Amino acid sequence: MPPTRRRPSGPSPRPGAPKPAKPAKPTKAAKPTAGPKKPKPRGTRPDRAPGTRRKTDPTPKPVQRIKPPRPRRMSARTAILALVLSALALAYAYPVRTYFAQRSDIEALEAAQQSQRERISALETERAKWNDDAYVITQARIHLLLVRPGEKPLIIIDDPAGAAKDSGHPLDQPVEEPGTWYEKLWGSVDGADKAG
């Protein structure tokens, strides 16, 4: 704030008005000297004679208008803090992204390990079955058509003509067998040409 100038007390001088008389200054001889002056501590009031009051100016002083300080949009501390926070955010962005990517990779690998464990346990169960002689004999009969000595094997053959006999269709009618896919395709092209 700029320092304010104090105006002398009394009526303000006007142009053409006589100046008020100034009181005479006391001479040095008139002052009593009681010894060296002691320094006064700060914040104390100046010495005044008891019963005297401060002179007040009866005329109001003109008020000087001061422009209020403009509020700063952003202080230097705020700008530095924002800069530091943005630098920290940028510094931590890549490691955090890497962390989450690694977590998803770890979860996928753990799921793959779990499925492998389940497959291993199923294979161990299958292996334990093959250690049983009854299971081996059953699988040999089903897949290899092996029988014990003295047993008569019964083999069922898929016979379309025999099935036709059993269904009641006469044998003189030929049983239409399905052809290959390209024969069916060519037959449909021929049928379309003949129709068109």
N, C-alpha and C. Protein backbone atom coordinates (compact mmCIF):
# COMPACT_ATOMS: atom_id res chain seq x y z
N MET A 1 0.84 -1.17 0.00
CA MET A 1 0.00 0.00 0.00
C MET A 1 0.89 1.24 0.00
N PRO A 2 0.58 2.24 -0.80
CA PRO A 2 1.42 3.44 -0.80
C PRO A 2 1.24 4.20 0.50
N PRO A 3 2.30 4.82 0.99
CA PRO A 3 2.19 5.56 2.26
C PRO A 3 1.29 6.77 2.07
N THR A 4 0.50 7.06 3.09
CA THR A 4 -0.41 8.22 3.03
C THR A 4 0.27 9.40 3.69
N ARG A 5 0.03 10.54 3.14
CA ARG A 5 0.63 11.76 3.70
C ARG A 5 -0.33 12.36 4.71
N ARG A 6 0.22 12.76 5.81
CA ARG A 6 -0.62 13.40 6.83
C ARG A 6 -0.71 14.89 6.53
N ARG A 7 -1.87 15.38 6.67
CA ARG A 7 -2.07 16.81 6.45
C ARG A 7 -2.02 17.53 7.79
N PRO A 8 -1.57 18.73 7.76
CA PRO A 8 -1.53 19.47 9.03
C PRO A 8 -2.94 19.71 9.54
N SER A 9 -3.04 19.75 10.85
CA SER A 9 -4.36 19.98 11.43
C SER A 9 -4.74 21.44 11.28
N GLY A 10 -5.99 21.68 11.29
CA GLY A 10 -6.46 23.04 11.16
C GLY A 10 -7.21 23.21 9.86
N PRO A 11 -7.67 24.42 9.63
CA PRO A 11 -8.44 24.63 8.40
C PRO A 11 -7.53 24.49 7.18
N SER A 12 -8.12 23.98 6.14
CA SER A 12 -7.32 23.78 4.92
C SER A 12 -7.10 25.11 4.24
N PRO A 13 -5.92 25.31 3.70
CA PRO A 13 -5.65 26.61 3.06
C PRO A 13 -6.45 26.72 1.78
N ARG A 14 -7.04 27.86 1.62
CA ARG A 14 -7.81 28.14 0.41
C ARG A 14 -7.08 29.24 -0.34
N PRO A 15 -7.27 29.29 -1.61
CA PRO A 15 -6.60 30.37 -2.34
C PRO A 15 -7.15 31.73 -1.90
N GLY A 16 -6.24 32.61 -1.62
CA GLY A 16 -6.62 33.96 -1.22
C GLY A 16 -6.91 34.10 0.25
N ALA A 17 -6.94 33.04 0.99
CA ALA A 17 -7.23 33.11 2.42
C ALA A 17 -5.92 33.31 3.17
N PRO A 18 -5.93 34.07 4.26
CA PRO A 18 -4.69 34.26 5.02
C PRO A 18 -4.31 32.98 5.73
N LYS A 19 -3.02 32.76 5.83
CA LYS A 19 -2.53 31.56 6.48
C LYS A 19 -2.67 31.71 7.97
N PRO A 20 -3.02 30.63 8.65
CA PRO A 20 -3.15 30.74 10.10
C PRO A 20 -1.77 30.89 10.73
N ALA A 21 -1.75 31.54 11.84
CA ALA A 21 -0.48 31.78 12.54
C ALA A 21 -0.02 30.49 13.18
N LYS A 22 1.30 30.26 13.09
CA LYS A 22 1.87 29.05 13.67
C LYS A 22 2.30 29.36 15.09
N PRO A 23 2.13 28.42 15.98
CA PRO A 23 2.59 28.67 17.34
C PRO A 23 4.11 28.71 17.37
N ALA A 24 4.61 29.48 18.27
CA ALA A 24 6.06 29.64 18.38
C ALA A 24 6.67 28.37 18.94
N LYS A 25 7.87 28.06 18.42
CA LYS A 25 8.55 26.86 18.88
C LYS A 25 9.27 27.17 20.18
N PRO A 26 9.22 26.27 21.10
CA PRO A 26 9.94 26.52 22.35
C PRO A 26 11.44 26.42 22.09
N THR A 27 12.16 27.20 22.80
CA THR A 27 13.62 27.20 22.64
C THR A 27 14.21 26.07 23.43
N LYS A 28 15.44 25.78 23.11
CA LYS A 28 16.11 24.68 23.78
C LYS A 28 16.35 25.01 25.25
N ALA A 29 16.50 26.24 25.55
CA ALA A 29 16.78 26.60 26.93
C ALA A 29 15.56 26.37 27.80
N ALA A 30 14.38 26.44 27.21
CA ALA A 30 13.18 26.29 28.00
C ALA A 30 12.91 24.84 28.38
N LYS A 31 13.54 23.91 27.67
CA LYS A 31 13.28 22.50 27.94
C LYS A 31 14.05 22.08 29.16
N PRO A 32 13.39 21.39 30.07
CA PRO A 32 14.13 20.90 31.22
C PRO A 32 14.90 19.64 30.83
N THR A 33 16.09 19.54 31.29
CA THR A 33 16.89 18.35 31.02
C THR A 33 17.03 17.60 32.31
N ALA A 34 16.54 16.41 32.32
CA ALA A 34 16.59 15.60 33.52
C ALA A 34 17.61 14.49 33.37
N GLY A 35 18.35 14.47 32.35
CA GLY A 35 19.35 13.42 32.16
C GLY A 35 19.19 12.79 30.78
N PRO A 36 19.95 11.76 30.57
CA PRO A 36 19.85 11.14 29.23
C PRO A 36 18.49 10.45 29.08
N LYS A 37 18.00 10.48 27.83
CA LYS A 37 16.70 9.86 27.53
C LYS A 37 16.85 8.36 27.45
N LYS A 38 15.87 7.68 28.00
CA LYS A 38 15.86 6.22 27.92
C LYS A 38 15.05 5.81 26.69
N PRO A 39 15.53 4.80 25.98
CA PRO A 39 14.73 4.37 24.81
C PRO A 39 13.44 3.70 25.28
N LYS A 40 12.37 3.98 24.56
CA LYS A 40 11.07 3.42 24.92
C LYS A 40 10.85 2.13 24.13
N PRO A 41 10.25 1.16 24.79
CA PRO A 41 9.94 -0.07 24.04
C PRO A 41 8.87 0.20 22.99
N ARG A 42 8.89 -0.63 21.99
CA ARG A 42 7.93 -0.46 20.89
C ARG A 42 6.52 -0.77 21.36
N GLY A 43 5.57 -0.16 20.74
CA GLY A 43 4.17 -0.43 21.05
C GLY A 43 3.65 0.40 22.21
N THR A 44 4.46 1.30 22.80
CA THR A 44 3.97 2.13 23.90
C THR A 44 3.48 3.44 23.34
N ARG A 45 2.62 4.08 24.06
CA ARG A 45 2.05 5.35 23.62
C ARG A 45 3.04 6.48 23.91
N PRO A 46 3.01 7.51 23.10
CA PRO A 46 3.90 8.65 23.38
C PRO A 46 3.45 9.36 24.67
N ASP A 47 4.43 9.99 25.29
CA ASP A 47 4.12 10.69 26.54
C ASP A 47 3.26 11.91 26.26
N ARG A 48 2.19 12.01 27.02
CA ARG A 48 1.33 13.18 26.94
C ARG A 48 1.02 13.62 28.36
N ALA A 49 0.78 14.83 28.44
CA ALA A 49 0.44 15.34 29.76
C ALA A 49 -0.92 14.80 30.14
N PRO A 50 -1.10 14.44 31.41
CA PRO A 50 -2.40 13.91 31.81
C PRO A 50 -3.48 14.96 31.63
N GLY A 51 -4.62 14.47 31.16
CA GLY A 51 -5.77 15.35 30.96
C GLY A 51 -5.80 15.98 29.58
N THR A 52 -4.76 15.83 28.80
CA THR A 52 -4.79 16.41 27.46
C THR A 52 -5.26 15.35 26.48
N ARG A 53 -5.93 15.80 25.48
CA ARG A 53 -6.42 14.87 24.47
C ARG A 53 -5.74 15.16 23.16
N ARG A 54 -5.75 14.14 22.31
CA ARG A 54 -5.17 14.32 20.98
C ARG A 54 -6.01 15.29 20.20
N LYS A 55 -5.32 16.06 19.40
CA LYS A 55 -6.06 17.00 18.56
C LYS A 55 -6.68 16.22 17.41
N THR A 56 -7.91 16.48 17.17
CA THR A 56 -8.60 15.85 16.06
C THR A 56 -8.92 16.91 15.05
N ASP A 57 -8.90 16.51 13.82
CA ASP A 57 -9.15 17.44 12.72
C ASP A 57 -10.65 17.55 12.54
N PRO A 58 -11.22 18.74 12.69
CA PRO A 58 -12.66 18.86 12.54
C PRO A 58 -13.11 18.69 11.09
N THR A 59 -12.24 18.95 10.13
CA THR A 59 -12.65 18.80 8.73
C THR A 59 -12.28 17.39 8.26
N PRO A 60 -13.18 16.74 7.58
CA PRO A 60 -12.87 15.38 7.11
C PRO A 60 -11.80 15.41 6.02
N LYS A 61 -10.98 14.41 6.06
CA LYS A 61 -9.91 14.31 5.06
C LYS A 61 -10.49 13.65 3.81
N PRO A 62 -9.98 14.04 2.66
CA PRO A 62 -10.48 13.39 1.45
C PRO A 62 -10.02 11.92 1.43
N VAL A 63 -10.92 11.07 0.99
CA VAL A 63 -10.63 9.64 0.96
C VAL A 63 -9.97 9.31 -0.37
N GLN A 64 -8.87 8.66 -0.27
CA GLN A 64 -8.16 8.27 -1.49
C GLN A 64 -8.63 6.86 -1.88
N ARG A 65 -9.09 6.74 -3.11
CA ARG A 65 -9.57 5.44 -3.58
C ARG A 65 -8.37 4.58 -3.99
N ILE A 66 -8.40 3.37 -3.48
CA ILE A 66 -7.33 2.42 -3.81
C ILE A 66 -7.97 1.27 -4.57
N LYS A 67 -7.35 0.92 -5.67
CA LYS A 67 -7.88 -0.21 -6.44
C LYS A 67 -7.61 -1.49 -5.67
N PRO A 68 -8.64 -2.31 -5.54
CA PRO A 68 -8.41 -3.58 -4.82
C PRO A 68 -7.47 -4.46 -5.65
N PRO A 69 -6.64 -5.22 -4.99
CA PRO A 69 -5.73 -6.08 -5.75
C PRO A 69 -6.52 -7.14 -6.52
N ARG A 70 -6.12 -7.35 -7.74
CA ARG A 70 -6.81 -8.35 -8.55
C ARG A 70 -6.53 -9.74 -7.99
N PRO A 71 -7.57 -10.53 -7.86
CA PRO A 71 -7.31 -11.89 -7.38
C PRO A 71 -6.54 -12.67 -8.45
N ARG A 72 -5.51 -13.32 -8.01
CA ARG A 72 -4.70 -14.09 -8.97
C ARG A 72 -5.46 -15.34 -9.36
N ARG A 73 -5.39 -15.64 -10.62
CA ARG A 73 -6.08 -16.85 -11.08
C ARG A 73 -5.38 -18.08 -10.54
N MET A 74 -4.09 -18.07 -10.55
CA MET A 74 -3.33 -19.22 -10.06
C MET A 74 -2.04 -18.69 -9.46
N SER A 75 -1.81 -19.05 -8.22
CA SER A 75 -0.58 -18.60 -7.60
C SER A 75 0.57 -19.48 -8.06
N ALA A 76 1.76 -19.06 -7.75
CA ALA A 76 2.94 -19.83 -8.16
C ALA A 76 2.96 -21.18 -7.45
N ARG A 77 2.56 -21.20 -6.20
CA ARG A 77 2.53 -22.47 -5.46
C ARG A 77 1.54 -23.45 -6.09
N THR A 78 0.38 -22.92 -6.47
CA THR A 78 -0.62 -23.78 -7.09
C THR A 78 -0.13 -24.32 -8.42
N ALA A 79 0.53 -23.48 -9.20
CA ALA A 79 1.06 -23.93 -10.49
C ALA A 79 2.13 -25.00 -10.30
N ILE A 80 3.01 -24.80 -9.33
CA ILE A 80 4.07 -25.79 -9.07
C ILE A 80 3.45 -27.10 -8.58
N LEU A 81 2.46 -27.00 -7.70
CA LEU A 81 1.79 -28.20 -7.19
C LEU A 81 1.10 -28.96 -8.33
N ALA A 82 0.42 -28.23 -9.22
CA ALA A 82 -0.24 -28.88 -10.36
C ALA A 82 0.79 -29.53 -11.27
N LEU A 83 1.91 -28.86 -11.48
CA LEU A 83 2.97 -29.42 -12.33
C LEU A 83 3.54 -30.69 -11.71
N VAL A 84 3.77 -30.68 -10.40
CA VAL A 84 4.31 -31.86 -9.72
C VAL A 84 3.31 -33.02 -9.77
N LEU A 85 2.03 -32.72 -9.53
CA LEU A 85 1.01 -33.77 -9.56
C LEU A 85 0.86 -34.37 -10.96
N SER A 86 0.91 -33.52 -11.99
CA SER A 86 0.81 -34.06 -13.35
C SER A 86 2.04 -34.88 -13.70
N ALA A 87 3.23 -34.47 -13.23
CA ALA A 87 4.44 -35.26 -13.48
C ALA A 87 4.34 -36.61 -12.77
N LEU A 88 3.82 -36.62 -11.55
CA LEU A 88 3.65 -37.89 -10.84
C LEU A 88 2.64 -38.79 -11.54
N ALA A 89 1.54 -38.19 -12.02
CA ALA A 89 0.53 -38.98 -12.73
C ALA A 89 1.12 -39.60 -14.00
N LEU A 90 1.91 -38.81 -14.73
CA LEU A 90 2.54 -39.35 -15.94
C LEU A 90 3.58 -40.41 -15.59
N ALA A 91 4.29 -40.21 -14.49
CA ALA A 91 5.32 -41.18 -14.11
C ALA A 91 4.69 -42.50 -13.67
N TYR A 92 3.53 -42.45 -13.04
CA TYR A 92 2.91 -43.68 -12.55
C TYR A 92 1.97 -44.32 -13.57
N ALA A 93 1.63 -43.64 -14.66
CA ALA A 93 0.66 -44.18 -15.62
C ALA A 93 1.16 -45.47 -16.26
N TYR A 94 2.38 -45.48 -16.76
CA TYR A 94 2.91 -46.68 -17.45
C TYR A 94 3.08 -47.86 -16.49
N PRO A 95 3.66 -47.67 -15.29
CA PRO A 95 3.77 -48.82 -14.39
C PRO A 95 2.41 -49.38 -13.96
N VAL A 96 1.44 -48.53 -13.77
CA VAL A 96 0.11 -49.01 -13.36
C VAL A 96 -0.52 -49.80 -14.50
N ARG A 97 -0.37 -49.29 -15.74
CA ARG A 97 -0.91 -50.01 -16.89
C ARG A 97 -0.23 -51.37 -17.04
N THR A 98 1.08 -51.39 -16.85
CA THR A 98 1.83 -52.64 -16.94
C THR A 98 1.39 -53.60 -15.84
N TYR A 99 1.15 -53.08 -14.65
CA TYR A 99 0.71 -53.91 -13.53
C TYR A 99 -0.61 -54.60 -13.86
N PHE A 100 -1.58 -53.83 -14.38
CA PHE A 100 -2.88 -54.43 -14.69
C PHE A 100 -2.77 -55.42 -15.85
N ALA A 101 -1.91 -55.13 -16.84
CA ALA A 101 -1.72 -56.08 -17.94
C ALA A 101 -1.11 -57.38 -17.42
N GLN A 102 -0.15 -57.25 -16.53
CA GLN A 102 0.48 -58.45 -15.96
C GLN A 102 -0.51 -59.22 -15.10
N ARG A 103 -1.38 -58.52 -14.38
CA ARG A 103 -2.38 -59.22 -13.57
C ARG A 103 -3.31 -60.05 -14.47
N SER A 104 -3.72 -59.48 -15.61
CA SER A 104 -4.60 -60.24 -16.51
C SER A 104 -3.85 -61.43 -17.11
N ASP A 105 -2.56 -61.25 -17.42
CA ASP A 105 -1.76 -62.38 -17.93
C ASP A 105 -1.64 -63.47 -16.87
N ILE A 106 -1.42 -63.07 -15.64
CA ILE A 106 -1.28 -64.04 -14.55
C ILE A 106 -2.58 -64.81 -14.36
N GLU A 107 -3.72 -64.10 -14.42
CA GLU A 107 -5.01 -64.78 -14.27
C GLU A 107 -5.24 -65.77 -15.41
N ALA A 108 -4.86 -65.40 -16.65
CA ALA A 108 -5.02 -66.32 -17.78
C ALA A 108 -4.13 -67.55 -17.61
N LEU A 109 -2.89 -67.33 -17.14
CA LEU A 109 -1.99 -68.47 -16.94
C LEU A 109 -2.48 -69.37 -15.80
N GLU A 110 -3.03 -68.78 -14.76
CA GLU A 110 -3.57 -69.60 -13.66
C GLU A 110 -4.76 -70.43 -14.13
N ALA A 111 -5.61 -69.84 -15.00
CA ALA A 111 -6.74 -70.60 -15.55
C ALA A 111 -6.23 -71.75 -16.42
N ALA A 112 -5.18 -71.49 -17.22
CA ALA A 112 -4.61 -72.56 -18.06
C ALA A 112 -4.01 -73.66 -17.19
N GLN A 113 -3.35 -73.27 -16.11
CA GLN A 113 -2.78 -74.28 -15.20
C GLN A 113 -3.89 -75.12 -14.56
N GLN A 114 -4.99 -74.49 -14.20
CA GLN A 114 -6.09 -75.23 -13.59
C GLN A 114 -6.67 -76.25 -14.58
N SER A 115 -6.83 -75.84 -15.84
CA SER A 115 -7.36 -76.79 -16.84
C SER A 115 -6.36 -77.93 -17.07
N GLN A 116 -5.06 -77.62 -17.04
CA GLN A 116 -4.06 -78.69 -17.19
C GLN A 116 -4.09 -79.64 -15.99
N ARG A 117 -4.29 -79.10 -14.80
CA ARG A 117 -4.40 -79.97 -13.62
C ARG A 117 -5.60 -80.92 -13.75
N GLU A 118 -6.73 -80.37 -14.22
CA GLU A 118 -7.92 -81.21 -14.41
C GLU A 118 -7.66 -82.30 -15.45
N ARG A 119 -6.98 -81.96 -16.55
CA ARG A 119 -6.65 -82.96 -17.57
C ARG A 119 -5.71 -84.02 -17.02
N ILE A 120 -4.72 -83.58 -16.23
CA ILE A 120 -3.77 -84.54 -15.63
C ILE A 120 -4.51 -85.50 -14.69
N SER A 121 -5.43 -84.97 -13.88
CA SER A 121 -6.17 -85.85 -12.96
C SER A 121 -7.05 -86.84 -13.74
N ALA A 122 -7.65 -86.38 -14.87
CA ALA A 122 -8.46 -87.30 -15.69
C ALA A 122 -7.58 -88.39 -16.29
N LEU A 123 -6.37 -88.01 -16.75
CA LEU A 123 -5.46 -89.02 -17.33
C LEU A 123 -4.96 -89.99 -16.27
N GLU A 124 -4.74 -89.50 -15.06
CA GLU A 124 -4.31 -90.41 -13.98
C GLU A 124 -5.42 -91.40 -13.63
N THR A 125 -6.67 -90.92 -13.65
CA THR A 125 -7.80 -91.82 -13.41
C THR A 125 -7.89 -92.88 -14.50
N GLU A 126 -7.69 -92.46 -15.77
CA GLU A 126 -7.70 -93.40 -16.89
C GLU A 126 -6.59 -94.43 -16.75
N ARG A 127 -5.42 -93.97 -16.35
CA ARG A 127 -4.28 -94.89 -16.17
C ARG A 127 -4.57 -95.90 -15.05
N ALA A 128 -5.20 -95.43 -14.00
CA ALA A 128 -5.55 -96.34 -12.90
C ALA A 128 -6.55 -97.40 -13.38
N LYS A 129 -7.44 -97.02 -14.31
CA LYS A 129 -8.38 -98.01 -14.86
C LYS A 129 -7.62 -99.07 -15.66
N TRP A 130 -6.61 -98.67 -16.39
CA TRP A 130 -5.85 -99.63 -17.21
C TRP A 130 -5.03 -100.59 -16.35
N ASN A 131 -4.83 -100.27 -15.11
CA ASN A 131 -4.14 -101.20 -14.20
C ASN A 131 -5.07 -102.32 -13.74
N ASP A 132 -6.36 -102.18 -13.95
CA ASP A 132 -7.35 -103.20 -13.57
C ASP A 132 -7.49 -104.19 -14.73
N ASP A 133 -7.35 -105.51 -14.45
CA ASP A 133 -7.41 -106.54 -15.50
C ASP A 133 -8.80 -106.63 -16.13
N ALA A 134 -9.85 -106.48 -15.36
CA ALA A 134 -11.21 -106.58 -15.90
C ALA A 134 -11.47 -105.47 -16.92
N TYR A 135 -10.98 -104.28 -16.64
CA TYR A 135 -11.15 -103.15 -17.58
C TYR A 135 -10.40 -103.43 -18.88
N VAL A 136 -9.19 -104.00 -18.78
CA VAL A 136 -8.39 -104.30 -19.98
C VAL A 136 -9.11 -105.33 -20.84
N ILE A 137 -9.69 -106.37 -20.22
CA ILE A 137 -10.41 -107.41 -20.97
C ILE A 137 -11.63 -106.81 -21.67
N THR A 138 -12.36 -105.97 -20.98
CA THR A 138 -13.55 -105.33 -21.57
C THR A 138 -13.16 -104.48 -22.77
N GLN A 139 -12.10 -103.68 -22.64
CA GLN A 139 -11.67 -102.83 -23.75
C GLN A 139 -11.16 -103.66 -24.92
N ALA A 140 -10.51 -104.81 -24.65
CA ALA A 140 -10.04 -105.69 -25.73
C ALA A 140 -11.22 -106.28 -26.49
N ARG A 141 -12.30 -106.64 -25.80
CA ARG A 141 -13.49 -107.17 -26.48
C ARG A 141 -14.14 -106.09 -27.35
N ILE A 142 -14.25 -104.88 -26.82
CA ILE A 142 -14.97 -103.82 -27.53
C ILE A 142 -14.16 -103.34 -28.74
N HIS A 143 -12.90 -103.00 -28.54
CA HIS A 143 -12.12 -102.35 -29.59
C HIS A 143 -11.37 -103.32 -30.49
N LEU A 144 -10.87 -104.44 -29.95
CA LEU A 144 -10.05 -105.36 -30.74
C LEU A 144 -10.78 -106.66 -31.11
N LEU A 145 -12.00 -106.83 -30.65
CA LEU A 145 -12.83 -108.02 -30.91
C LEU A 145 -12.12 -109.30 -30.47
N LEU A 146 -11.42 -109.24 -29.37
CA LEU A 146 -10.73 -110.42 -28.81
C LEU A 146 -11.66 -111.11 -27.82
N VAL A 147 -11.60 -112.47 -27.82
CA VAL A 147 -12.41 -113.25 -26.87
C VAL A 147 -11.51 -114.26 -26.18
N ARG A 148 -11.99 -114.78 -25.05
CA ARG A 148 -11.23 -115.82 -24.33
C ARG A 148 -11.38 -117.16 -25.07
N PRO A 149 -10.43 -118.02 -24.83
CA PRO A 149 -10.56 -119.33 -25.48
C PRO A 149 -11.84 -120.03 -25.00
N GLY A 150 -12.58 -120.59 -25.96
CA GLY A 150 -13.81 -121.30 -25.65
C GLY A 150 -15.04 -120.43 -25.83
N GLU A 151 -14.92 -119.14 -25.94
CA GLU A 151 -16.06 -118.24 -26.14
C GLU A 151 -16.29 -118.07 -27.63
N LYS A 152 -17.56 -117.89 -27.99
CA LYS A 152 -17.88 -117.65 -29.39
C LYS A 152 -18.17 -116.15 -29.55
N PRO A 153 -17.45 -115.52 -30.46
CA PRO A 153 -17.71 -114.09 -30.65
C PRO A 153 -18.96 -113.86 -31.50
N LEU A 154 -19.67 -112.83 -31.19
CA LEU A 154 -20.84 -112.43 -31.97
C LEU A 154 -20.53 -111.04 -32.53
N ILE A 155 -20.47 -110.98 -33.87
CA ILE A 155 -20.12 -109.72 -34.52
C ILE A 155 -21.35 -109.22 -35.28
N ILE A 156 -21.72 -108.01 -35.05
CA ILE A 156 -22.87 -107.41 -35.73
C ILE A 156 -22.30 -106.55 -36.85
N ILE A 157 -22.77 -106.84 -38.07
CA ILE A 157 -22.29 -106.11 -39.24
C ILE A 157 -23.43 -105.23 -39.73
N ASP A 158 -23.10 -104.05 -40.13
CA ASP A 158 -24.08 -103.12 -40.67
C ASP A 158 -24.35 -103.51 -42.12
N ASP A 159 -25.52 -104.10 -42.38
CA ASP A 159 -25.86 -104.60 -43.72
C ASP A 159 -27.14 -103.92 -44.18
N PRO A 160 -27.05 -102.98 -45.13
CA PRO A 160 -28.26 -102.30 -45.58
C PRO A 160 -29.25 -103.25 -46.26
N ALA A 161 -28.76 -104.22 -47.02
CA ALA A 161 -29.67 -105.16 -47.70
C ALA A 161 -30.39 -106.02 -46.67
N GLY A 162 -29.68 -106.46 -45.66
CA GLY A 162 -30.31 -107.24 -44.61
C GLY A 162 -31.33 -106.42 -43.85
N ALA A 163 -31.05 -105.18 -43.68
CA ALA A 163 -32.00 -104.30 -43.01
C ALA A 163 -33.22 -104.12 -43.88
N ALA A 164 -33.04 -104.10 -45.19
CA ALA A 164 -34.18 -103.96 -46.10
C ALA A 164 -35.06 -105.20 -46.02
N LYS A 165 -34.45 -106.37 -45.88
CA LYS A 165 -35.23 -107.62 -45.76
C LYS A 165 -36.08 -107.57 -44.50
N ASP A 166 -35.46 -107.15 -43.44
CA ASP A 166 -36.18 -107.13 -42.17
C ASP A 166 -37.27 -106.06 -42.15
N SER A 167 -37.14 -105.04 -42.98
CA SER A 167 -38.12 -103.96 -42.95
C SER A 167 -39.35 -104.28 -43.77
N GLY A 168 -39.32 -105.38 -44.58
CA GLY A 168 -40.50 -105.75 -45.36
C GLY A 168 -40.43 -105.29 -46.79
N HIS A 169 -39.38 -104.64 -47.22
CA HIS A 169 -39.23 -104.24 -48.62
C HIS A 169 -38.77 -105.45 -49.43
N PRO A 170 -39.30 -105.61 -50.62
CA PRO A 170 -38.84 -106.74 -51.45
C PRO A 170 -37.39 -106.54 -51.88
N LEU A 171 -36.71 -107.64 -52.10
CA LEU A 171 -35.30 -107.60 -52.46
C LEU A 171 -35.07 -107.16 -53.90
N ASP A 172 -36.10 -107.30 -54.77
CA ASP A 172 -35.90 -106.93 -56.17
C ASP A 172 -35.79 -105.42 -56.36
N GLN A 173 -36.30 -104.67 -55.44
CA GLN A 173 -36.12 -103.22 -55.55
C GLN A 173 -34.73 -102.87 -55.04
N PRO A 174 -33.99 -102.19 -55.89
CA PRO A 174 -32.65 -101.83 -55.44
C PRO A 174 -32.72 -100.77 -54.33
N VAL A 175 -31.87 -100.96 -53.41
CA VAL A 175 -31.78 -99.98 -52.32
C VAL A 175 -30.89 -98.83 -52.81
N GLU A 176 -31.46 -97.66 -52.76
CA GLU A 176 -30.70 -96.51 -53.24
C GLU A 176 -29.67 -96.12 -52.20
N GLU A 177 -28.44 -96.21 -52.62
CA GLU A 177 -27.37 -95.84 -51.70
C GLU A 177 -26.97 -94.39 -51.97
N PRO A 178 -26.68 -93.69 -50.95
CA PRO A 178 -26.27 -92.29 -51.16
C PRO A 178 -24.90 -92.25 -51.83
N GLY A 179 -24.76 -91.34 -52.79
CA GLY A 179 -23.48 -91.18 -53.48
C GLY A 179 -22.58 -90.19 -52.74
N THR A 180 -21.50 -89.91 -53.38
CA THR A 180 -20.58 -88.93 -52.78
C THR A 180 -21.15 -87.54 -52.95
N TRP A 181 -20.55 -86.59 -52.33
CA TRP A 181 -21.08 -85.22 -52.35
C TRP A 181 -21.01 -84.61 -53.74
N TYR A 182 -19.95 -84.94 -54.47
CA TYR A 182 -19.84 -84.34 -55.80
C TYR A 182 -20.81 -84.98 -56.79
N GLU A 183 -21.15 -86.25 -56.57
CA GLU A 183 -22.17 -86.87 -57.41
C GLU A 183 -23.53 -86.24 -57.16
N LYS A 184 -23.82 -85.97 -55.90
CA LYS A 184 -25.09 -85.31 -55.56
C LYS A 184 -25.14 -83.91 -56.17
N LEU A 185 -24.03 -83.20 -56.12
CA LEU A 185 -23.97 -81.84 -56.66
C LEU A 185 -24.19 -81.88 -58.18
N TRP A 186 -23.50 -82.79 -58.86
CA TRP A 186 -23.64 -82.88 -60.31
C TRP A 186 -25.05 -83.32 -60.69
N GLY A 187 -25.64 -84.20 -59.89
CA GLY A 187 -27.02 -84.63 -60.16
C GLY A 187 -27.99 -83.47 -60.03
N SER A 188 -27.79 -82.59 -59.07
CA SER A 188 -28.68 -81.44 -58.92
C SER A 188 -28.51 -80.46 -60.06
N VAL A 189 -27.27 -80.32 -60.59
CA VAL A 189 -27.05 -79.43 -61.74
C VAL A 189 -27.74 -80.01 -62.97
N ASP A 190 -27.61 -81.33 -63.18
CA ASP A 190 -28.28 -81.98 -64.32
C ASP A 190 -29.79 -81.86 -64.20
N GLY A 191 -30.31 -82.05 -63.02
CA GLY A 191 -31.76 -81.94 -62.81
C GLY A 191 -32.25 -80.54 -63.11
N ALA A 192 -31.46 -79.52 -62.77
CA ALA A 192 -31.86 -78.14 -63.04
C ALA A 192 -31.82 -77.85 -64.53
N ASP A 193 -30.84 -78.44 -65.25
CA ASP A 193 -30.77 -78.23 -66.70
C ASP A 193 -31.95 -78.88 -67.41
N LYS A 194 -32.32 -80.09 -66.97
CA LYS A 194 -33.42 -80.81 -67.61
C LYS A 194 -34.75 -80.11 -67.34
N ALA A 195 -34.88 -79.54 -66.17
CA ALA A 195 -36.14 -78.87 -65.83
C ALA A 195 -36.26 -77.54 -66.57
N GLY A 196 -35.13 -76.89 -66.82
CA GLY A 196 -35.16 -75.56 -67.43
C GLY A 196 -35.09 -75.65 -68.87
